[in-house]
């Protein structure tokens, strides 16, 4: 009889602890779920920002390439002009 009286409170205590642990684990899961959802959103924003920066850098590189082509063409024209001037001066 004494054993039965002891078993019931112990069993109820174990069930209570299991319920409390389940609730605590569920709350902890929800906290981590929110954390990972926020982290995922932030990472996607960083990814978008890095793609945008990369796109801008590529545009700048294109502009630099176009500018260097223009400068190269100008230098070629200057060189051609200077050769013409030298030929003209040599003829005098």
PDB file of N, CA and C in Angstrom:
ATOM      1  N   UNK A   1       0.819  -1.196   0.000  1.00  0.00           N
ATOM      2  CA  UNK A   1       0.000   0.000   0.000  1.00  0.00           C
ATOM      3  C   UNK A   1       0.865   1.262   0.000  1.00  0.00           C
ATOM      4  N   UNK A   2       1.928   1.231   0.808  1.00  0.00           N
ATOM      5  CA  UNK A   2       2.811   2.386   0.852  1.00  0.00           C
ATOM      6  C   UNK A   2       3.486   2.616  -0.489  1.00  0.00           C
ATOM      7  N   UNK A   3       3.830   1.495  -1.153  1.00  0.00           N
ATOM      8  CA  UNK A   3       4.492   1.620  -2.445  1.00  0.00           C
ATOM      9  C   UNK A   3       3.574   2.282  -3.458  1.00  0.00           C
ATOM     10  N   UNK A   4       2.304   1.925  -3.430  1.00  0.00           N
ATOM     11  CA  UNK A   4       1.347   2.549  -4.358  1.00  0.00           C
ATOM     12  C   UNK A   4       1.233   4.040  -4.095  1.00  0.00           C
ATOM     13  N   UNK A   5       1.228   4.412  -2.854  1.00  0.00           N
ATOM     14  CA  UNK A   5       1.122   5.828  -2.520  1.00  0.00           C
ATOM     15  C   UNK A   5       2.361   6.592  -2.994  1.00  0.00           C
ATOM     16  N   UNK A   6       3.507   5.947  -3.005  1.00  0.00           N
ATOM     17  CA  UNK A   6       4.723   6.589  -3.479  1.00  0.00           C
ATOM     18  C   UNK A   6       4.792   6.626  -5.009  1.00  0.00           C
ATOM     19  N   UNK A   7       4.312   5.590  -5.646  1.00  0.00           N
ATOM     20  CA  UNK A   7       4.406   5.495  -7.105  1.00  0.00           C
ATOM     21  C   UNK A   7       3.560   6.565  -7.784  1.00  0.00           C
ATOM     22  N   UNK A   8       2.374   6.824  -7.293  1.00  0.00           N
ATOM     23  CA  UNK A   8       1.480   7.802  -7.927  1.00  0.00           C
ATOM     24  C   UNK A   8       2.100   9.206  -7.930  1.00  0.00           C
ATOM     25  N   UNK A   9       2.599   9.750  -6.819  1.00  0.00           N
ATOM     26  CA  UNK A   9       3.208  11.083  -6.871  1.00  0.00           C
ATOM     27  C   UNK A   9       4.468  11.122  -7.743  1.00  0.00           C
ATOM     28  N   UNK A  10       5.247  10.030  -7.696  1.00  0.00           N
ATOM     29  CA  UNK A  10       6.448   9.994  -8.533  1.00  0.00           C
ATOM     30  C   UNK A  10       6.055  10.001 -10.005  1.00  0.00           C
ATOM     31  N   UNK A  11       5.052   9.215 -10.367  1.00  0.00           N
ATOM     32  CA  UNK A  11       4.592   9.166 -11.761  1.00  0.00           C
ATOM     33  C   UNK A  11       4.035  10.519 -12.182  1.00  0.00           C
ATOM     34  N   UNK A  12       3.241  11.134 -11.322  1.00  0.00           N
ATOM     35  CA  UNK A  12       2.697  12.458 -11.645  1.00  0.00           C
ATOM     36  C   UNK A  12       3.819  13.489 -11.778  1.00  0.00           C
ATOM     37  N   UNK A  13       4.818  13.394 -10.921  1.00  0.00           N
ATOM     38  CA  UNK A  13       5.965  14.305 -11.014  1.00  0.00           C
ATOM     39  C   UNK A  13       6.721  14.104 -12.321  1.00  0.00           C
ATOM     40  N   UNK A  14       6.899  12.853 -12.716  1.00  0.00           N
ATOM     41  CA  UNK A  14       7.597  12.564 -13.971  1.00  0.00           C
ATOM     42  C   UNK A  14       6.801  13.094 -15.159  1.00  0.00           C
ATOM     43  N   UNK A  15       5.481  12.900 -15.124  1.00  0.00           N
ATOM     44  CA  UNK A  15       4.627  13.419 -16.207  1.00  0.00           C
ATOM     45  C   UNK A  15       4.686  14.940 -16.227  1.00  0.00           C
ATOM     46  N   UNK A  16       4.664  15.567 -15.067  1.00  0.00           N
ATOM     47  CA  UNK A  16       4.749  17.026 -14.985  1.00  0.00           C
ATOM     48  C   UNK A  16       6.074  17.539 -15.534  1.00  0.00           C
ATOM     49  N   UNK A  17       7.178  16.883 -15.169  1.00  0.00           N
ATOM     50  CA  UNK A  17       8.489  17.280 -15.693  1.00  0.00           C
ATOM     51  C   UNK A  17       8.560  17.101 -17.208  1.00  0.00           C
ATOM     52  N   UNK A  18       8.006  15.998 -17.693  1.00  0.00           N
ATOM     53  CA  UNK A  18       8.014  15.759 -19.140  1.00  0.00           C
ATOM     54  C   UNK A  18       7.204  16.843 -19.855  1.00  0.00           C
ATOM     55  N   UNK A  19       6.050  17.202 -19.292  1.00  0.00           N
ATOM     56  CA  UNK A  19       5.219  18.246 -19.897  1.00  0.00           C
ATOM     57  C   UNK A  19       5.956  19.589 -19.882  1.00  0.00           C
ATOM     58  N   UNK A  20       6.589  19.898 -18.747  1.00  0.00           N
ATOM     59  CA  UNK A  20       7.331  21.153 -18.633  1.00  0.00           C
ATOM     60  C   UNK A  20       8.493  21.174 -19.632  1.00  0.00           C
ATOM     61  N   UNK A  21       9.230  20.063 -19.707  1.00  0.00           N
ATOM     62  CA  UNK A  21      10.352  19.989 -20.650  1.00  0.00           C
ATOM     63  C   UNK A  21       9.864  20.117 -22.088  1.00  0.00           C
ATOM     64  N   UNK A  22       8.728  19.499 -22.393  1.00  0.00           N
ATOM     65  CA  UNK A  22       8.170  19.590 -23.743  1.00  0.00           C
ATOM     66  C   UNK A  22       7.840  21.035 -24.078  1.00  0.00           C
ATOM     67  N   UNK A  23       7.220  21.719 -23.120  1.00  0.00           N
ATOM     68  CA  UNK A  23       6.856  23.118 -23.324  1.00  0.00           C
ATOM     69  C   UNK A  23       8.105  23.986 -23.476  1.00  0.00           C
ATOM     70  N   UNK A  24       9.108  23.740 -22.639  1.00  0.00           N
ATOM     71  CA  UNK A  24      10.351  24.510 -22.709  1.00  0.00           C
ATOM     72  C   UNK A  24      11.058  24.258 -24.040  1.00  0.00           C
ATOM     73  N   UNK A  25      11.078  23.001 -24.474  1.00  0.00           N
ATOM     74  CA  UNK A  25      11.712  22.684 -25.752  1.00  0.00           C
ATOM     75  C   UNK A  25      10.966  23.328 -26.909  1.00  0.00           C
ATOM     76  N   UNK A  26       9.638  23.355 -26.816  1.00  0.00           N
ATOM     77  CA  UNK A  26       8.846  23.984 -27.878  1.00  0.00           C
ATOM     78  C   UNK A  26       9.152  25.482 -27.937  1.00  0.00           C
ATOM     79  N   UNK A  27       9.220  26.136 -26.772  1.00  0.00           N
ATOM     80  CA  UNK A  27       9.548  27.566 -26.735  1.00  0.00           C
ATOM     81  C   UNK A  27      10.951  27.818 -27.284  1.00  0.00           C
ATOM     82  N   UNK A  28      11.898  26.957 -26.908  1.00  0.00           N
ATOM     83  CA  UNK A  28      13.258  27.109 -27.406  1.00  0.00           C
ATOM     84  C   UNK A  28      13.293  26.902 -28.920  1.00  0.00           C
ATOM     85  N   UNK A  29      12.527  25.922 -29.398  1.00  0.00           N
ATOM     86  CA  UNK A  29      12.449  25.684 -30.842  1.00  0.00           C
ATOM     87  C   UNK A  29      11.905  26.917 -31.557  1.00  0.00           C
ATOM     88  N   UNK A  30      10.863  27.535 -31.002  1.00  0.00           N
ATOM     89  CA  UNK A  30      10.283  28.727 -31.630  1.00  0.00           C
ATOM     90  C   UNK A  30      11.281  29.884 -31.650  1.00  0.00           C
ATOM     91  N   UNK A  31      12.051  30.016 -30.575  1.00  0.00           N
ATOM     92  CA  UNK A  31      13.068  31.074 -30.523  1.00  0.00           C
ATOM     93  C   UNK A  31      14.107  30.849 -31.617  1.00  0.00           C
ATOM     94  N   UNK A  32      14.611  29.603 -31.719  1.00  0.00           N
ATOM     95  CA  UNK A  32      15.609  29.313 -32.752  1.00  0.00           C
ATOM     96  C   UNK A  32      15.026  29.414 -34.146  1.00  0.00           C
ATOM     97  N   UNK A  33      13.757  29.046 -34.299  1.00  0.00           N
ATOM     98  CA  UNK A  33      13.102  29.157 -35.607  1.00  0.00           C
ATOM     99  C   UNK A  33      13.065  30.624 -36.046  1.00  0.00           C
ATOM    100  N   UNK A  34      12.651  31.515 -35.144  1.00  0.00           N
ATOM    101  CA  UNK A  34      12.637  32.951 -35.453  1.00  0.00           C
ATOM    102  C   UNK A  34      14.046  33.456 -35.762  1.00  0.00           C
ATOM    103  N   UNK A  35      15.020  33.005 -34.975  1.00  0.00           N
ATOM    104  CA  UNK A  35      16.405  33.430 -35.181  1.00  0.00           C
ATOM    105  C   UNK A  35      16.882  33.026 -36.570  1.00  0.00           C
ATOM    106  N   UNK A  36      16.637  31.777 -36.962  1.00  0.00           N
ATOM    107  CA  UNK A  36      17.105  31.310 -38.270  1.00  0.00           C
ATOM    108  C   UNK A  36      16.327  31.941 -39.414  1.00  0.00           C
ATOM    109  N   UNK A  37      15.053  32.238 -39.211  1.00  0.00           N
ATOM    110  CA  UNK A  37      14.291  32.944 -40.247  1.00  0.00           C
ATOM    111  C   UNK A  37      14.855  34.350 -40.448  1.00  0.00           C
ATOM    112  N   UNK A  38      15.139  35.049 -39.348  1.00  0.00           N
ATOM    113  CA  UNK A  38      15.732  36.389 -39.450  1.00  0.00           C
ATOM    114  C   UNK A  38      17.118  36.327 -40.081  1.00  0.00           C
ATOM    115  N   UNK A  39      17.899  35.335 -39.689  1.00  0.00           N
ATOM    116  CA  UNK A  39      19.234  35.172 -40.260  1.00  0.00           C
ATOM    117  C   UNK A  39      19.148  34.904 -41.758  1.00  0.00           C
ATOM    118  N   UNK A  40      18.176  34.094 -42.151  1.00  0.00           N
ATOM    119  CA  UNK A  40      17.990  33.793 -43.572  1.00  0.00           C
ATOM    120  C   UNK A  40      17.622  35.051 -44.352  1.00  0.00           C
ATOM    121  N   UNK A  41      16.738  35.869 -43.783  1.00  0.00           N
ATOM    122  CA  UNK A  41      16.361  37.125 -44.446  1.00  0.00           C
ATOM    123  C   UNK A  41      17.567  38.050 -44.583  1.00  0.00           C
ATOM    124  N   UNK A  42      18.348  38.163 -43.512  1.00  0.00           N
ATOM    125  CA  UNK A  42      19.525  39.032 -43.551  1.00  0.00           C
ATOM    126  C   UNK A  42      20.540  38.537 -44.576  1.00  0.00           C
ATOM    127  N   UNK A  43      20.724  37.224 -44.645  1.00  0.00           N
ATOM    128  CA  UNK A  43      21.664  36.673 -45.624  1.00  0.00           C
ATOM    129  C   UNK A  43      21.191  36.914 -47.049  1.00  0.00           C
ATOM    130  N   UNK A  44      19.888  36.819 -47.273  1.00  0.00           N
ATOM    131  CA  UNK A  44      19.392  37.079 -48.628  1.00  0.00           C
ATOM    132  C   UNK A  44      19.567  38.556 -48.979  1.00  0.00           C
ATOM    133  N   UNK A  45      19.408  39.447 -47.992  1.00  0.00           N
ATOM    134  CA  UNK A  45      19.640  40.869 -48.246  1.00  0.00           C
ATOM    135  C   UNK A  45      21.113  41.128 -48.545  1.00  0.00           C
ATOM    136  N   UNK A  46      21.995  40.460 -47.807  1.00  0.00           N
ATOM    137  CA  UNK A  46      23.429  40.606 -48.058  1.00  0.00           C
ATOM    138  C   UNK A  46      23.766  40.068 -49.440  1.00  0.00           C
ATOM    139  N   UNK A  47      23.162  38.939 -49.789  1.00  0.00           N
ATOM    140  CA  UNK A  47      23.407  38.355 -51.109  1.00  0.00           C
ATOM    141  C   UNK A  47      22.950  39.307 -52.202  1.00  0.00           C
ATOM    142  N   UNK A  48      21.769  39.903 -52.025  1.00  0.00           N
ATOM    143  CA  UNK A  48      21.265  40.855 -53.019  1.00  0.00           C
ATOM    144  C   UNK A  48      22.194  42.062 -53.110  1.00  0.00           C
ATOM    145  N   UNK A  49      22.632  42.558 -51.950  1.00  0.00           N
ATOM    146  CA  UNK A  49      23.525  43.723 -51.935  1.00  0.00           C
ATOM    147  C   UNK A  49      24.854  43.391 -52.610  1.00  0.00           C
ATOM    148  N   UNK A  50      25.383  42.201 -52.350  1.00  0.00           N
ATOM    149  CA  UNK A  50      26.663  41.843 -52.971  1.00  0.00           C
ATOM    150  C   UNK A  50      26.506  41.675 -54.476  1.00  0.00           C
ATOM    151  N   UNK A  51      25.360  41.143 -54.914  1.00  0.00           N
ATOM    152  CA  UNK A  51      25.113  41.040 -56.355  1.00  0.00           C
ATOM    153  C   UNK A  51      25.033  42.427 -56.980  1.00  0.00           C
ATOM    154  N   UNK A  52      24.392  43.354 -56.265  1.00  0.00           N
ATOM    155  CA  UNK A  52      24.269  44.718 -56.774  1.00  0.00           C
ATOM    156  C   UNK A  52      25.645  45.384 -56.857  1.00  0.00           C
ATOM    157  N   UNK A  53      26.466  45.183 -55.828  1.00  0.00           N
ATOM    158  CA  UNK A  53      27.818  45.746 -55.830  1.00  0.00           C
ATOM    159  C   UNK A  53      28.630  45.145 -56.974  1.00  0.00           C
ATOM    160  N   UNK A  54      28.517  43.831 -57.156  1.00  0.00           N
ATOM    161  CA  UNK A  54      29.245  43.173 -58.240  1.00  0.00           C
ATOM    162  C   UNK A  54      28.804  43.716 -59.594  1.00  0.00           C
ATOM    163  N   UNK A  55      27.501  43.928 -59.762  1.00  0.00           N
ATOM    164  CA  UNK A  55      26.988  44.492 -61.011  1.00  0.00           C
ATOM    165  C   UNK A  55      27.567  45.887 -61.245  1.00  0.00           C
ATOM    166  N   UNK A  56      27.591  46.717 -60.194  1.00  0.00           N
ATOM    167  CA  UNK A  56      28.150  48.070 -60.314  1.00  0.00           C
ATOM    168  C   UNK A  56      29.640  48.033 -60.647  1.00  0.00           C
ATOM    169  N   UNK A  57      30.365  47.111 -60.035  1.00  0.00           N
ATOM    170  CA  UNK A  57      31.794  46.982 -60.330  1.00  0.00           C
ATOM    171  C   UNK A  57      31.993  46.576 -61.789  1.00  0.00           C
ATOM    172  N   UNK A  58      31.164  45.653 -62.273  1.00  0.00           N
ATOM    173  CA  UNK A  58      31.273  45.231 -63.674  1.00  0.00           C
ATOM    174  C   UNK A  58      30.990  46.406 -64.612  1.00  0.00           C
ATOM    175  N   UNK A  59      30.005  47.229 -64.270  1.00  0.00           N
ATOM    176  CA  UNK A  59      29.723  48.410 -65.091  1.00  0.00           C
ATOM    177  C   UNK A  59      30.914  49.367 -65.092  1.00  0.00           C
ATOM    178  N   UNK A  60      31.511  49.573 -63.924  1.00  0.00           N
ATOM    179  CA  UNK A  60      32.685  50.449 -63.847  1.00  0.00           C
ATOM    180  C   UNK A  60      33.847  49.893 -64.667  1.00  0.00           C
ATOM    181  N   UNK A  61      34.035  48.586 -64.607  1.00  0.00           N
ATOM    182  CA  UNK A  61      35.101  47.976 -65.405  1.00  0.00           C
ATOM    183  C   UNK A  61      34.842  48.151 -66.896  1.00  0.00           C
ATOM    184  N   UNK A  62      33.576  48.037 -67.297  1.00  0.00           N
ATOM    185  CA  UNK A  62      33.233  48.279 -68.704  1.00  0.00           C
ATOM    186  C   UNK A  62      33.559  49.718 -69.097  1.00  0.00           C
ATOM    187  N   UNK A  63      33.224  50.654 -68.219  1.00  0.00           N
ATOM    188  CA  UNK A  63      33.509  52.059 -68.506  1.00  0.00           C
ATOM    189  C   UNK A  63      35.015  52.306 -68.592  1.00  0.00           C
ATOM    190  N   UNK A  64      35.769  51.683 -67.690  1.00  0.00           N
ATOM    191  CA  UNK A  64      37.226  51.833 -67.722  1.00  0.00           C
ATOM    192  C   UNK A  64      37.778  51.240 -69.011  1.00  0.00           C
ATOM    193  N   UNK A  65      37.231  50.100 -69.410  1.00  0.00           N
ATOM    194  CA  UNK A  65      37.682  49.468 -70.651  1.00  0.00           C
ATOM    195  C   UNK A  65      37.398  50.368 -71.851  1.00  0.00           C
ATOM    196  N   UNK A  66      36.193  50.943 -71.877  1.00  0.00           N
ATOM    197  CA  UNK A  66      35.846  51.865 -72.966  1.00  0.00           C
ATOM    198  C   UNK A  66      36.763  53.088 -72.943  1.00  0.00           C
ATOM    199  N   UNK A  67      37.028  53.603 -71.751  1.00  0.00           N
ATOM    200  CA  UNK A  67      37.909  54.771 -71.632  1.00  0.00           C
ATOM    201  C   UNK A  67      39.318  54.432 -72.092  1.00  0.00           C
ATOM    202  N   UNK A  68      39.803  53.255 -71.722  1.00  0.00           N
ATOM    203  CA  UNK A  68      41.160  52.881 -72.138  1.00  0.00           C
ATOM    204  C   UNK A  68      41.220  52.693 -73.648  1.00  0.00           C
ATOM    205  N   UNK A  69      40.135  52.159 -74.242  1.00  0.00           N
ATOM    206  CA  UNK A  69      40.094  52.050 -75.709  1.00  0.00           C
ATOM    207  C   UNK A  69      40.131  53.433 -76.344  1.00  0.00           C
ATOM    208  N   UNK A  70      39.381  54.361 -75.772  1.00  0.00           N
ATOM    209  CA  UNK A  70      39.365  55.731 -76.288  1.00  0.00           C
ATOM    210  C   UNK A  70      40.745  56.367 -76.159  1.00  0.00           C
ATOM    211  N   UNK A  71      41.374  56.185 -75.013  1.00  0.00           N
ATOM    212  CA  UNK A  71      42.715  56.741 -74.798  1.00  0.00           C
ATOM    213  C   UNK A  71      43.708  56.104 -75.767  1.00  0.00           C
ATOM    214  N   UNK A  72      43.587  54.800 -75.968  1.00  0.00           N
ATOM    215  CA  UNK A  72      44.485  54.118 -76.904  1.00  0.00           C
ATOM    216  C   UNK A  72      44.296  54.657 -78.319  1.00  0.00           C
ATOM    217  N   UNK A  73      43.053  54.875 -78.715  1.00  0.00           N
ATOM    218  CA  UNK A  73      42.780  55.451 -80.044  1.00  0.00           C
ATOM    219  C   UNK A  73      43.363  56.857 -80.160  1.00  0.00           C
ATOM    220  N   UNK A  74      43.210  57.648 -79.110  1.00  0.00           N
ATOM    221  CA  UNK A  74      43.779  59.002 -79.126  1.00  0.00           C
ATOM    222  C   UNK A  74      45.299  58.961 -79.238  1.00  0.00           C
ATOM    223  N   UNK A  75      45.922  58.070 -78.491  1.00  0.00           N
ATOM    224  CA  UNK A  75      47.380  57.956 -78.564  1.00  0.00           C
ATOM    225  C   UNK A  75      47.834  57.519 -79.955  1.00  0.00           C
ATOM    226  N   UNK A  76      47.081  56.629 -80.562  1.00  0.00           N
ATOM    227  CA  UNK A  76      47.407  56.194 -81.927  1.00  0.00           C
ATOM    228  C   UNK A  76      47.286  57.355 -82.897  1.00  0.00           C
ATOM    229  N   UNK A  77      46.222  58.133 -82.748  1.00  0.00           N
ATOM    230  CA  UNK A  77      46.038  59.295 -83.622  1.00  0.00           C
ATOM    231  C   UNK A  77      47.140  60.332 -83.402  1.00  0.00           C
ATOM    232  N   UNK A  78      47.521  60.543 -82.152  1.00  0.00           N
ATOM    233  CA  UNK A  78      48.600  61.490 -81.855  1.00  0.00           C
ATOM    234  C   UNK A  78      49.906  60.993 -82.469  1.00  0.00           C
ATOM    235  N   UNK A  79      50.161  59.700 -82.352  1.00  0.00           N
ATOM    236  CA  UNK A  79      51.376  59.131 -82.938  1.00  0.00           C
ATOM    237  C   UNK A  79      51.371  59.285 -84.459  1.00  0.00           C
ATOM    238  N   UNK A  80      50.237  59.010 -85.087  1.00  0.00           N
ATOM    239  CA  UNK A  80      50.118  59.185 -86.545  1.00  0.00           C
ATOM    240  C   UNK A  80      50.349  60.640 -86.937  1.00  0.00           C
ATOM    241  N   UNK A  81      49.746  61.540 -86.177  1.00  0.00           N
ATOM    242  CA  UNK A  81      49.901  62.971 -86.463  1.00  0.00           C
ATOM    243  C   UNK A  81      51.364  63.391 -86.316  1.00  0.00           C
ATOM    244  N   UNK A  82      52.012  62.894 -85.266  1.00  0.00           N
ATOM    245  CA  UNK A  82      53.412  63.271 -85.054  1.00  0.00           C
ATOM    246  C   UNK A  82      54.291  62.720 -86.173  1.00  0.00           C
ATOM    247  N   UNK A  83      53.976  61.534 -86.678  1.00  0.00           N
ATOM    248  CA  UNK A  83      54.735  60.996 -87.816  1.00  0.00           C
ATOM    249  C   UNK A  83      54.532  61.852 -89.062  1.00  0.00           C
ATOM    250  N   UNK A  84      53.307  62.313 -89.272  1.00  0.00           N
ATOM    251  CA  UNK A  84      53.028  63.193 -90.414  1.00  0.00           C
ATOM    252  C   UNK A  84      53.794  64.513 -90.274  1.00  0.00           C
ATOM    253  N   UNK A  85      53.802  65.044 -89.051  1.00  0.00           N
ATOM    254  CA  UNK A  85      54.530  66.293 -88.802  1.00  0.00           C
ATOM    255  C   UNK A  85      56.020  66.078 -89.058  1.00  0.00           C
ATOM    256  N   UNK A  86      56.563  64.974 -88.588  1.00  0.00           N
ATOM    257  CA  UNK A  86      57.985  64.677 -88.809  1.00  0.00           C
ATOM    258  C   UNK A  86      58.295  64.537 -90.298  1.00  0.00           C
ATOM    259  N   UNK A  87      57.416  63.877 -91.042  1.00  0.00           N
ATOM    260  CA  UNK A  87      57.616  63.736 -92.490  1.00  0.00           C
ATOM    261  C   UNK A  87      57.614  65.103 -93.169  1.00  0.00           C
ATOM    262  N   UNK A  88      56.667  65.934 -92.735  1.00  0.00           N
ATOM    263  CA  UNK A  88      56.567  67.273 -93.321  1.00  0.00           C
ATOM    264  C   UNK A  88      57.817  68.088 -92.997  1.00  0.00           C
ATOM    265  N   UNK A  89      58.268  68.009 -91.756  1.00  0.00           N
ATOM    266  CA  UNK A  89      59.469  68.745 -91.359  1.00  0.00           C
ATOM    267  C   UNK A  89      60.708  68.213 -92.077  1.00  0.00           C
ATOM    268  N   UNK A  90      60.766  66.922 -92.286  1.00  0.00           N
ATOM    269  CA  UNK A  90      61.911  66.334 -92.988  1.00  0.00           C
ATOM    270  C   UNK A  90      61.956  66.767 -94.453  1.00  0.00           C
ATOM    271  N   UNK A  91      60.806  67.026 -95.013  1.00  0.00           N
ATOM    272  CA  UNK A  91      60.772  67.419 -96.426  1.00  0.00           C
ATOM    273  C   UNK A  91      61.305  68.834 -96.632  1.00  0.00           C
ATOM    274  N   UNK A  92      61.348  69.649 -95.606  1.00  0.00           N
ATOM    275  CA  UNK A  92      61.871  71.018 -95.756  1.00  0.00           C
ATOM    276  C   UNK A  92      63.321  70.946 -95.696  1.00  0.00           C
TER     277      UNK A  92
END
